[in-house]
Amino acid sequence: MSTIALAVPAQNLKGDEITLEDRFLSCKEVCGFLNLARATLYRAMERCEFPPNYQISRGRIGWLESDINEYKQLGYLKFCNAYRAKIESMREEVKAA
């Protein structure tokens, strides 16, 4: 699987500024919180149907807790409708760089 880990942004998907209260969740934490299998999570990411992960440090990725909470609050379909285009454009910017 070739998902792209993005650089840590200044804002979450909703556009709120990231603060010190925001934390990054590991894959294990995200899967446990949402009751998803790891493979399901990465398949959804490949289709831009799940919040992107970010490169925290060398060899370490994580998901913003606020993005995961937004996903859980909206549900799968509403999240896809609201954020798919934004996630696709974020990925294209990384590929172009």
PDB file of N, CA and C in Angstrom:
ATOM      1  N   MET A   1       0.833  -1.173   0.000  1.00  0.00           N
ATOM      2  CA  MET A   1       0.000   0.000   0.000  1.00  0.00           C
ATOM      3  C   MET A   1       0.877   1.236   0.000  1.00  0.00           C
ATOM      4  N   SER A   2       0.555   2.190  -0.846  1.00  0.00           N
ATOM      5  CA  SER A   2       1.407   3.366  -0.942  1.00  0.00           C
ATOM      6  C   SER A   2       0.638   4.624  -0.564  1.00  0.00           C
ATOM      7  N   THR A   3       0.320   4.778   0.716  1.00  0.00           N
ATOM      8  CA  THR A   3      -0.316   6.002   1.153  1.00  0.00           C
ATOM      9  C   THR A   3       0.746   7.059   1.345  1.00  0.00           C
ATOM     10  N   ILE A   4       0.345   8.300   1.235  1.00  0.00           N
ATOM     11  CA  ILE A   4       1.267   9.415   1.355  1.00  0.00           C
ATOM     12  C   ILE A   4       1.066  10.073   2.703  1.00  0.00           C
ATOM     13  N   ALA A   5       2.125  10.150   3.505  1.00  0.00           N
ATOM     14  CA  ALA A   5       2.060  10.871   4.764  1.00  0.00           C
ATOM     15  C   ALA A   5       2.388  12.329   4.481  1.00  0.00           C
ATOM     16  N   LEU A   6       1.512  13.214   4.907  1.00  0.00           N
ATOM     17  CA  LEU A   6       1.680  14.631   4.647  1.00  0.00           C
ATOM     18  C   LEU A   6       2.500  15.290   5.749  1.00  0.00           C
ATOM     19  N   ALA A   7       3.080  16.444   5.448  1.00  0.00           N
ATOM     20  CA  ALA A   7       3.776  17.239   6.459  1.00  0.00           C
ATOM     21  C   ALA A   7       2.733  17.792   7.431  1.00  0.00           C
ATOM     22  N   VAL A   8       3.142  18.002   8.661  1.00  0.00           N
ATOM     23  CA  VAL A   8       2.212  18.485   9.686  1.00  0.00           C
ATOM     24  C   VAL A   8       1.693  19.865   9.282  1.00  0.00           C
ATOM     25  N   PRO A   9       0.368  20.013   9.211  1.00  0.00           N
ATOM     26  CA  PRO A   9      -0.221  21.271   8.753  1.00  0.00           C
ATOM     27  C   PRO A   9      -0.384  22.281   9.889  1.00  0.00           C
ATOM     28  N   ALA A  10      -0.759  23.495   9.535  1.00  0.00           N
ATOM     29  CA  ALA A  10      -1.054  24.528  10.526  1.00  0.00           C
ATOM     30  C   ALA A  10      -2.515  24.458  10.959  1.00  0.00           C
ATOM     31  N   GLN A  11      -3.346  23.778  10.138  1.00  0.00           N
ATOM     32  CA  GLN A  11      -4.771  23.680  10.426  1.00  0.00           C
ATOM     33  C   GLN A  11      -5.248  22.242  10.241  1.00  0.00           C
ATOM     34  N   ASN A  12      -6.323  21.900  10.960  1.00  0.00           N
ATOM     35  CA  ASN A  12      -6.924  20.585  10.761  1.00  0.00           C
ATOM     36  C   ASN A  12      -7.850  20.653   9.542  1.00  0.00           C
ATOM     37  N   LEU A  13      -8.534  19.569   9.235  1.00  0.00           N
ATOM     38  CA  LEU A  13      -9.396  19.535   8.043  1.00  0.00           C
ATOM     39  C   LEU A  13     -10.516  20.562   8.086  1.00  0.00           C
ATOM     40  N   LYS A  14     -11.040  20.839   9.270  1.00  0.00           N
ATOM     41  CA  LYS A  14     -12.113  21.825   9.397  1.00  0.00           C
ATOM     42  C   LYS A  14     -11.620  23.245   9.182  1.00  0.00           C
ATOM     43  N   GLY A  15     -10.300  23.450   9.269  1.00  0.00           N
ATOM     44  CA  GLY A  15      -9.747  24.788   9.114  1.00  0.00           C
ATOM     45  C   GLY A  15      -9.381  25.440  10.432  1.00  0.00           C
ATOM     46  N   ASP A  16      -9.587  24.727  11.546  1.00  0.00           N
ATOM     47  CA  ASP A  16      -9.199  25.259  12.853  1.00  0.00           C
ATOM     48  C   ASP A  16      -7.691  25.161  13.014  1.00  0.00           C
ATOM     49  N   GLU A  17      -7.098  26.163  13.633  1.00  0.00           N
ATOM     50  CA  GLU A  17      -5.662  26.157  13.859  1.00  0.00           C
ATOM     51  C   GLU A  17      -5.293  25.051  14.843  1.00  0.00           C
ATOM     52  N   ILE A  18      -4.194  24.370  14.573  1.00  0.00           N
ATOM     53  CA  ILE A  18      -3.726  23.313  15.455  1.00  0.00           C
ATOM     54  C   ILE A  18      -3.040  23.956  16.656  1.00  0.00           C
ATOM     55  N   THR A  19      -3.432  23.509  17.838  1.00  0.00           N
ATOM     56  CA  THR A  19      -2.874  24.047  19.071  1.00  0.00           C
ATOM     57  C   THR A  19      -2.131  22.951  19.818  1.00  0.00           C
ATOM     58  N   LEU A  20      -1.564  23.310  20.948  1.00  0.00           N
ATOM     59  CA  LEU A  20      -0.860  22.328  21.771  1.00  0.00           C
ATOM     60  C   LEU A  20      -1.804  21.281  22.358  1.00  0.00           C
ATOM     61  N   GLU A  21      -3.112  21.605  22.418  1.00  0.00           N
ATOM     62  CA  GLU A  21      -4.086  20.632  22.927  1.00  0.00           C
ATOM     63  C   GLU A  21      -4.366  19.513  21.923  1.00  0.00           C
ATOM     64  N   ASP A  22      -4.143  19.813  20.628  1.00  0.00           N
ATOM     65  CA  ASP A  22      -4.307  18.768  19.609  1.00  0.00           C
ATOM     66  C   ASP A  22      -3.207  17.741  19.782  1.00  0.00           C
ATOM     67  N   ARG A  23      -3.561  16.499  19.620  1.00  0.00           N
ATOM     68  CA  ARG A  23      -2.541  15.454  19.705  1.00  0.00           C
ATOM     69  C   ARG A  23      -2.665  14.534  18.512  1.00  0.00           C
ATOM     70  N   PHE A  24      -1.594  13.811  18.277  1.00  0.00           N
ATOM     71  CA  PHE A  24      -1.570  12.848  17.190  1.00  0.00           C
ATOM     72  C   PHE A  24      -1.835  11.456  17.739  1.00  0.00           C
ATOM     73  N   LEU A  25      -2.625  10.694  16.994  1.00  0.00           N
ATOM     74  CA  LEU A  25      -2.963   9.328  17.376  1.00  0.00           C
ATOM     75  C   LEU A  25      -2.222   8.349  16.485  1.00  0.00           C
ATOM     76  N   SER A  26      -1.798   7.257  17.067  1.00  0.00           N
ATOM     77  CA  SER A  26      -1.148   6.197  16.297  1.00  0.00           C
ATOM     78  C   SER A  26      -2.207   5.392  15.548  1.00  0.00           C
ATOM     79  N   CYS A  27      -1.758   4.570  14.632  1.00  0.00           N
ATOM     80  CA  CYS A  27      -2.670   3.705  13.888  1.00  0.00           C
ATOM     81  C   CYS A  27      -3.456   2.810  14.850  1.00  0.00           C
ATOM     82  N   LYS A  28      -2.770   2.271  15.816  1.00  0.00           N
ATOM     83  CA  LYS A  28      -3.419   1.394  16.793  1.00  0.00           C
ATOM     84  C   LYS A  28      -4.506   2.143  17.567  1.00  0.00           C
ATOM     85  N   GLU A  29      -4.226   3.389  17.959  1.00  0.00           N
ATOM     86  CA  GLU A  29      -5.218   4.185  18.687  1.00  0.00           C
ATOM     87  C   GLU A  29      -6.416   4.514  17.810  1.00  0.00           C
ATOM     88  N   VAL A  30      -6.167   4.886  16.553  1.00  0.00           N
ATOM     89  CA  VAL A  30      -7.255   5.215  15.627  1.00  0.00           C
ATOM     90  C   VAL A  30      -8.130   3.989  15.384  1.00  0.00           C
ATOM     91  N   CYS A  31      -7.503   2.859  15.112  1.00  0.00           N
ATOM     92  CA  CYS A  31      -8.266   1.627  14.863  1.00  0.00           C
ATOM     93  C   CYS A  31      -9.104   1.240  16.077  1.00  0.00           C
ATOM     94  N   GLY A  32      -8.540   1.388  17.259  1.00  0.00           N
ATOM     95  CA  GLY A  32      -9.276   1.073  18.480  1.00  0.00           C
ATOM     96  C   GLY A  32     -10.427   2.042  18.719  1.00  0.00           C
ATOM     97  N   PHE A  33     -10.180   3.321  18.507  1.00  0.00           N
ATOM     98  CA  PHE A  33     -11.184   4.356  18.728  1.00  0.00           C
ATOM     99  C   PHE A  33     -12.375   4.193  17.797  1.00  0.00           C
ATOM    100  N   LEU A  34     -12.111   3.823  16.546  1.00  0.00           N
ATOM    101  CA  LEU A  34     -13.170   3.706  15.540  1.00  0.00           C
ATOM    102  C   LEU A  34     -13.621   2.269  15.301  1.00  0.00           C
ATOM    103  N   ASN A  35     -12.972   1.320  15.954  1.00  0.00           N
ATOM    104  CA  ASN A  35     -13.276  -0.095  15.778  1.00  0.00           C
ATOM    105  C   ASN A  35     -13.138  -0.511  14.309  1.00  0.00           C
ATOM    106  N   LEU A  36     -12.008  -0.114  13.709  1.00  0.00           N
ATOM    107  CA  LEU A  36     -11.701  -0.449  12.321  1.00  0.00           C
ATOM    108  C   LEU A  36     -10.464  -1.331  12.273  1.00  0.00           C
ATOM    109  N   ALA A  37     -10.416  -2.171  11.269  1.00  0.00           N
ATOM    110  CA  ALA A  37      -9.194  -2.931  11.018  1.00  0.00           C
ATOM    111  C   ALA A  37      -8.196  -1.998  10.328  1.00  0.00           C
ATOM    112  N   ARG A  38      -6.923  -2.247  10.538  1.00  0.00           N
ATOM    113  CA  ARG A  38      -5.874  -1.424   9.935  1.00  0.00           C
ATOM    114  C   ARG A  38      -5.988  -1.408   8.410  1.00  0.00           C
ATOM    115  N   ALA A  39      -6.259  -2.558   7.826  1.00  0.00           N
ATOM    116  CA  ALA A  39      -6.393  -2.640   6.369  1.00  0.00           C
ATOM    117  C   ALA A  39      -7.561  -1.789   5.875  1.00  0.00           C
ATOM    118  N   THR A  40      -8.665  -1.785   6.601  1.00  0.00           N
ATOM    119  CA  THR A  40      -9.831  -0.982   6.236  1.00  0.00           C
ATOM    120  C   THR A  40      -9.486   0.500   6.271  1.00  0.00           C
ATOM    121  N   LEU A  41      -8.751   0.904   7.293  1.00  0.00           N
ATOM    122  CA  LEU A  41      -8.331   2.292   7.437  1.00  0.00           C
ATOM    123  C   LEU A  41      -7.482   2.722   6.235  1.00  0.00           C
ATOM    124  N   TYR A  42      -6.491   1.934   5.878  1.00  0.00           N
ATOM    125  CA  TYR A  42      -5.615   2.288   4.764  1.00  0.00           C
ATOM    126  C   TYR A  42      -6.332   2.231   3.410  1.00  0.00           C
ATOM    127  N   ARG A  43      -7.278   1.310   3.242  1.00  0.00           N
ATOM    128  CA  ARG A  43      -8.059   1.288   1.998  1.00  0.00           C
ATOM    129  C   ARG A  43      -8.881   2.561   1.858  1.00  0.00           C
ATOM    130  N   ALA A  44      -9.503   2.982   2.960  1.00  0.00           N
ATOM    131  CA  ALA A  44     -10.294   4.221   2.940  1.00  0.00           C
ATOM    132  C   ALA A  44      -9.401   5.427   2.656  1.00  0.00           C
ATOM    133  N   MET A  45      -8.186   5.433   3.191  1.00  0.00           N
ATOM    134  CA  MET A  45      -7.250   6.528   2.925  1.00  0.00           C
ATOM    135  C   MET A  45      -6.873   6.572   1.449  1.00  0.00           C
ATOM    136  N   GLU A  46      -6.662   5.414   0.840  1.00  0.00           N
ATOM    137  CA  GLU A  46      -6.303   5.357  -0.579  1.00  0.00           C
ATOM    138  C   GLU A  46      -7.391   5.989  -1.450  1.00  0.00           C
ATOM    139  N   ARG A  47      -8.641   5.868  -1.016  1.00  0.00           N
ATOM    140  CA  ARG A  47      -9.773   6.423  -1.763  1.00  0.00           C
ATOM    141  C   ARG A  47     -10.117   7.836  -1.312  1.00  0.00           C
ATOM    142  N   CYS A  48      -9.284   8.426  -0.437  1.00  0.00           N
ATOM    143  CA  CYS A  48      -9.515   9.777   0.119  1.00  0.00           C
ATOM    144  C   CYS A  48     -10.834   9.838   0.876  1.00  0.00           C
ATOM    145  N   GLU A  49     -11.167   8.762   1.584  1.00  0.00           N
ATOM    146  CA  GLU A  49     -12.408   8.674   2.338  1.00  0.00           C
ATOM    147  C   GLU A  49     -12.144   8.611   3.844  1.00  0.00           C
ATOM    148  N   PHE A  50     -10.947   8.992   4.247  1.00  0.00           N
ATOM    149  CA  PHE A  50     -10.547   8.957   5.651  1.00  0.00           C
ATOM    150  C   PHE A  50      -9.537  10.075   5.870  1.00  0.00           C
ATOM    151  N   PRO A  51      -9.500  10.649   7.074  1.00  0.00           N
ATOM    152  CA  PRO A  51      -8.530  11.723   7.320  1.00  0.00           C
ATOM    153  C   PRO A  51      -7.106  11.283   6.993  1.00  0.00           C
ATOM    154  N   PRO A  52      -6.310  12.192   6.456  1.00  0.00           N
ATOM    155  CA  PRO A  52      -4.929  11.837   6.110  1.00  0.00           C
ATOM    156  C   PRO A  52      -4.055  11.686   7.345  1.00  0.00           C
ATOM    157  N   ASN A  53      -2.989  10.920   7.189  1.00  0.00           N
ATOM    158  CA  ASN A  53      -2.001  10.839   8.257  1.00  0.00           C
ATOM    159  C   ASN A  53      -0.886  11.833   7.961  1.00  0.00           C
ATOM    160  N   TYR A  54      -0.120  12.157   8.982  1.00  0.00           N
ATOM    161  CA  TYR A  54       0.929  13.159   8.866  1.00  0.00           C
ATOM    162  C   TYR A  54       2.257  12.601   9.346  1.00  0.00           C
ATOM    163  N   GLN A  55       3.321  13.047   8.717  1.00  0.00           N
ATOM    164  CA  GLN A  55       4.672  12.654   9.096  1.00  0.00           C
ATOM    165  C   GLN A  55       5.047  13.468  10.335  1.00  0.00           C
ATOM    166  N   ILE A  56       5.132  12.821  11.500  1.00  0.00           N
ATOM    167  CA  ILE A  56       5.446  13.500  12.752  1.00  0.00           C
ATOM    168  C   ILE A  56       6.956  13.641  12.902  1.00  0.00           C
ATOM    169  N   SER A  57       7.643  12.568  12.642  1.00  0.00           N
ATOM    170  CA  SER A  57       9.102  12.552  12.655  1.00  0.00           C
ATOM    171  C   SER A  57       9.533  11.420  11.728  1.00  0.00           C
ATOM    172  N   ARG A  58      10.815  11.234  11.590  1.00  0.00           N
ATOM    173  CA  ARG A  58      11.302  10.187  10.699  1.00  0.00           C
ATOM    174  C   ARG A  58      10.793   8.822  11.169  1.00  0.00           C
ATOM    175  N   GLY A  59      10.087   8.133  10.291  1.00  0.00           N
ATOM    176  CA  GLY A  59       9.569   6.809  10.615  1.00  0.00           C
ATOM    177  C   GLY A  59       8.347   6.811  11.512  1.00  0.00           C
ATOM    178  N   ARG A  60       7.745   7.981  11.730  1.00  0.00           N
ATOM    179  CA  ARG A  60       6.594   8.068  12.633  1.00  0.00           C
ATOM    180  C   ARG A  60       5.483   8.873  11.970  1.00  0.00           C
ATOM    181  N   ILE A  61       4.295   8.273  11.894  1.00  0.00           N
ATOM    182  CA  ILE A  61       3.133   8.970  11.359  1.00  0.00           C
ATOM    183  C   ILE A  61       2.028   8.971  12.396  1.00  0.00           C
ATOM    184  N   GLY A  62       1.078   9.879  12.220  1.00  0.00           N
ATOM    185  CA  GLY A  62      -0.049   9.937  13.133  1.00  0.00           C
ATOM    186  C   GLY A  62      -1.204  10.699  12.507  1.00  0.00           C
ATOM    187  N   TRP A  63      -2.347  10.569  13.106  1.00  0.00           N
ATOM    188  CA  TRP A  63      -3.556  11.254  12.661  1.00  0.00           C
ATOM    189  C   TRP A  63      -3.922  12.289  13.711  1.00  0.00           C
ATOM    190  N   LEU A  64      -4.368  13.453  13.260  1.00  0.00           N
ATOM    191  CA  LEU A  64      -4.820  14.468  14.198  1.00  0.00           C
ATOM    192  C   LEU A  64      -6.092  13.990  14.891  1.00  0.00           C
ATOM    193  N   GLU A  65      -6.095  14.081  16.198  1.00  0.00           N
ATOM    194  CA  GLU A  65      -7.255  13.646  16.970  1.00  0.00           C
ATOM    195  C   GLU A  65      -8.503  14.425  16.555  1.00  0.00           C
ATOM    196  N   SER A  66      -8.360  15.710  16.269  1.00  0.00           N
ATOM    197  CA  SER A  66      -9.516  16.519  15.861  1.00  0.00           C
ATOM    198  C   SER A  66     -10.093  16.037  14.525  1.00  0.00           C
ATOM    199  N   ASP A  67      -9.233  15.584  13.595  1.00  0.00           N
ATOM    200  CA  ASP A  67      -9.721  15.042  12.322  1.00  0.00           C
ATOM    201  C   ASP A  67     -10.464  13.726  12.540  1.00  0.00           C
ATOM    202  N   ILE A  68      -9.940  12.895  13.406  1.00  0.00           N
ATOM    203  CA  ILE A  68     -10.588  11.609  13.707  1.00  0.00           C
ATOM    204  C   ILE A  68     -11.931  11.844  14.398  1.00  0.00           C
ATOM    205  N   ASN A  69     -11.975  12.805  15.307  1.00  0.00           N
ATOM    206  CA  ASN A  69     -13.248  13.137  15.966  1.00  0.00           C
ATOM    207  C   ASN A  69     -14.265  13.661  14.962  1.00  0.00           C
ATOM    208  N   GLU A  70     -13.822  14.457  13.994  1.00  0.00           N
ATOM    209  CA  GLU A  70     -14.711  14.957  12.946  1.00  0.00           C
ATOM    210  C   GLU A  70     -15.256  13.790  12.110  1.00  0.00           C
ATOM    211  N   TYR A  71     -14.395  12.844  11.780  1.00  0.00           N
ATOM    212  CA  TYR A  71     -14.817  11.658  11.028  1.00  0.00           C
ATOM    213  C   TYR A  71     -15.883  10.886  11.817  1.00  0.00           C
ATOM    214  N   LYS A  72     -15.628  10.690  13.087  1.00  0.00           N
ATOM    215  CA  LYS A  72     -16.566   9.921  13.910  1.00  0.00           C
ATOM    216  C   LYS A  72     -17.894  10.667  14.070  1.00  0.00           C
ATOM    217  N   GLN A  73     -17.825  11.972  14.245  1.00  0.00           N
ATOM    218  CA  GLN A  73     -19.035  12.771  14.435  1.00  0.00           C
ATOM    219  C   GLN A  73     -19.900  12.802  13.175  1.00  0.00           C
ATOM    220  N   LEU A  74     -19.265  13.005  12.010  1.00  0.00           N
ATOM    221  CA  LEU A  74     -20.025  13.105  10.761  1.00  0.00           C
ATOM    222  C   LEU A  74     -20.477  11.752  10.236  1.00  0.00           C
ATOM    223  N   GLY A  75     -19.678  10.740  10.453  1.00  0.00           N
ATOM    224  CA  GLY A  75     -19.953   9.449   9.847  1.00  0.00           C
ATOM    225  C   GLY A  75     -19.312   9.371   8.475  1.00  0.00           C
ATOM    226  N   TYR A  76     -19.229   8.178   7.963  1.00  0.00           N
ATOM    227  CA  TYR A  76     -18.505   7.907   6.724  1.00  0.00           C
ATOM    228  C   TYR A  76     -19.001   8.738   5.542  1.00  0.00           C
ATOM    229  N   LEU A  77     -20.291   8.674   5.222  1.00  0.00           N
ATOM    230  CA  LEU A  77     -20.816   9.339   4.025  1.00  0.00           C
ATOM    231  C   LEU A  77     -20.708  10.854   4.092  1.00  0.00           C
ATOM    232  N   LYS A  78     -21.098  11.444   5.210  1.00  0.00           N
ATOM    233  CA  LYS A  78     -21.024  12.902   5.334  1.00  0.00           C
ATOM    234  C   LYS A  78     -19.576  13.375   5.321  1.00  0.00           C
ATOM    235  N   PHE A  79     -18.675  12.596   5.920  1.00  0.00           N
ATOM    236  CA  PHE A  79     -17.263  12.958   5.900  1.00  0.00           C
ATOM    237  C   PHE A  79     -16.746  12.962   4.464  1.00  0.00           C
ATOM    238  N   CYS A  80     -17.065  11.921   3.721  1.00  0.00           N
ATOM    239  CA  CYS A  80     -16.622  11.839   2.323  1.00  0.00           C
ATOM    240  C   CYS A  80     -17.131  13.022   1.516  1.00  0.00           C
ATOM    241  N   ASN A  81     -18.408  13.346   1.678  1.00  0.00           N
ATOM    242  CA  ASN A  81     -18.996  14.464   0.943  1.00  0.00           C
ATOM    243  C   ASN A  81     -18.348  15.794   1.320  1.00  0.00           C
ATOM    244  N   ALA A  82     -18.009  15.950   2.582  1.00  0.00           N
ATOM    245  CA  ALA A  82     -17.472  17.221   3.064  1.00  0.00           C
ATOM    246  C   ALA A  82     -15.985  17.400   2.768  1.00  0.00           C
ATOM    247  N   TYR A  83     -15.190  16.318   2.808  1.00  0.00           N
ATOM    248  CA  TYR A  83     -13.740  16.470   2.807  1.00  0.00           C
ATOM    249  C   TYR A  83     -12.973  15.745   1.699  1.00  0.00           C
ATOM    250  N   ARG A  84     -13.620  14.932   0.904  1.00  0.00           N
ATOM    251  CA  ARG A  84     -12.887  14.165  -0.112  1.00  0.00           C
ATOM    252  C   ARG A  84     -12.093  15.078  -1.052  1.00  0.00           C
ATOM    253  N   ALA A  85     -12.715  16.107  -1.576  1.00  0.00           N
ATOM    254  CA  ALA A  85     -12.027  17.004  -2.517  1.00  0.00           C
ATOM    255  C   ALA A  85     -10.832  17.677  -1.852  1.00  0.00           C
ATOM    256  N   LYS A  86     -10.977  18.086  -0.612  1.00  0.00           N
ATOM    257  CA  LYS A  86      -9.877  18.741   0.102  1.00  0.00           C
ATOM    258  C   LYS A  86      -8.712  17.769   0.303  1.00  0.00           C
ATOM    259  N   ILE A  87      -9.006  16.538   0.695  1.00  0.00           N
ATOM    260  CA  ILE A  87      -7.961  15.537   0.908  1.00  0.00           C
ATOM    261  C   ILE A  87      -7.265  15.215  -0.413  1.00  0.00           C
ATOM    262  N   GLU A  88      -8.032  15.094  -1.494  1.00  0.00           N
ATOM    263  CA  GLU A  88      -7.434  14.829  -2.807  1.00  0.00           C
ATOM    264  C   GLU A  88      -6.486  15.944  -3.216  1.00  0.00           C
ATOM    265  N   SER A  89      -6.874  17.185  -2.991  1.00  0.00           N
ATOM    266  CA  SER A  89      -6.001  18.303  -3.369  1.00  0.00           C
ATOM    267  C   SER A  89      -4.747  18.344  -2.491  1.00  0.00           C
ATOM    268  N   MET A  90      -4.876  17.999  -1.219  1.00  0.00           N
ATOM    269  CA  MET A  90      -3.711  17.947  -0.336  1.00  0.00           C
ATOM    270  C   MET A  90      -2.716  16.889  -0.834  1.00  0.00           C
ATOM    271  N   ARG A  91      -3.224  15.742  -1.239  1.00  0.00           N
ATOM    272  CA  ARG A  91      -2.362  14.679  -1.743  1.00  0.00           C
ATOM    273  C   ARG A  91      -1.688  15.077  -3.048  1.00  0.00           C
ATOM    274  N   GLU A  92      -2.407  15.754  -3.929  1.00  0.00           N
ATOM    275  CA  GLU A  92      -1.833  16.187  -5.201  1.00  0.00           C
ATOM    276  C   GLU A  92      -0.719  17.206  -4.976  1.00  0.00           C
ATOM    277  N   GLU A  93      -0.889  18.095  -3.996  1.00  0.00           N
ATOM    278  CA  GLU A  93       0.167  19.058  -3.680  1.00  0.00           C
ATOM    279  C   GLU A  93       1.436  18.360  -3.247  1.00  0.00           C
ATOM    280  N   VAL A  94       1.295  17.305  -2.447  1.00  0.00           N
ATOM    281  CA  VAL A  94       2.466  16.563  -1.974  1.00  0.00           C
ATOM    282  C   VAL A  94       3.141  15.833  -3.133  1.00  0.00           C
ATOM    283  N   LYS A  95       2.355  15.230  -4.012  1.00  0.00           N
ATOM    284  CA  LYS A  95       2.910  14.527  -5.160  1.00  0.00           C
ATOM    285  C   LYS A  95       3.663  15.483  -6.083  1.00  0.00           C
ATOM    286  N   ALA A  96       3.143  16.693  -6.240  1.00  0.00           N
ATOM    287  CA  ALA A  96       3.758  17.680  -7.129  1.00  0.00           C
ATOM    288  C   ALA A  96       5.066  18.238  -6.562  1.00  0.00           C
ATOM    289  N   ALA A  97       5.206  18.213  -5.250  1.00  0.00           N
ATOM    290  CA  ALA A  97       6.406  18.791  -4.619  1.00  0.00           C
ATOM    291  C   ALA A  97       7.635  17.935  -4.780  1.00  0.00           C
TER     292      ALA A  97
END
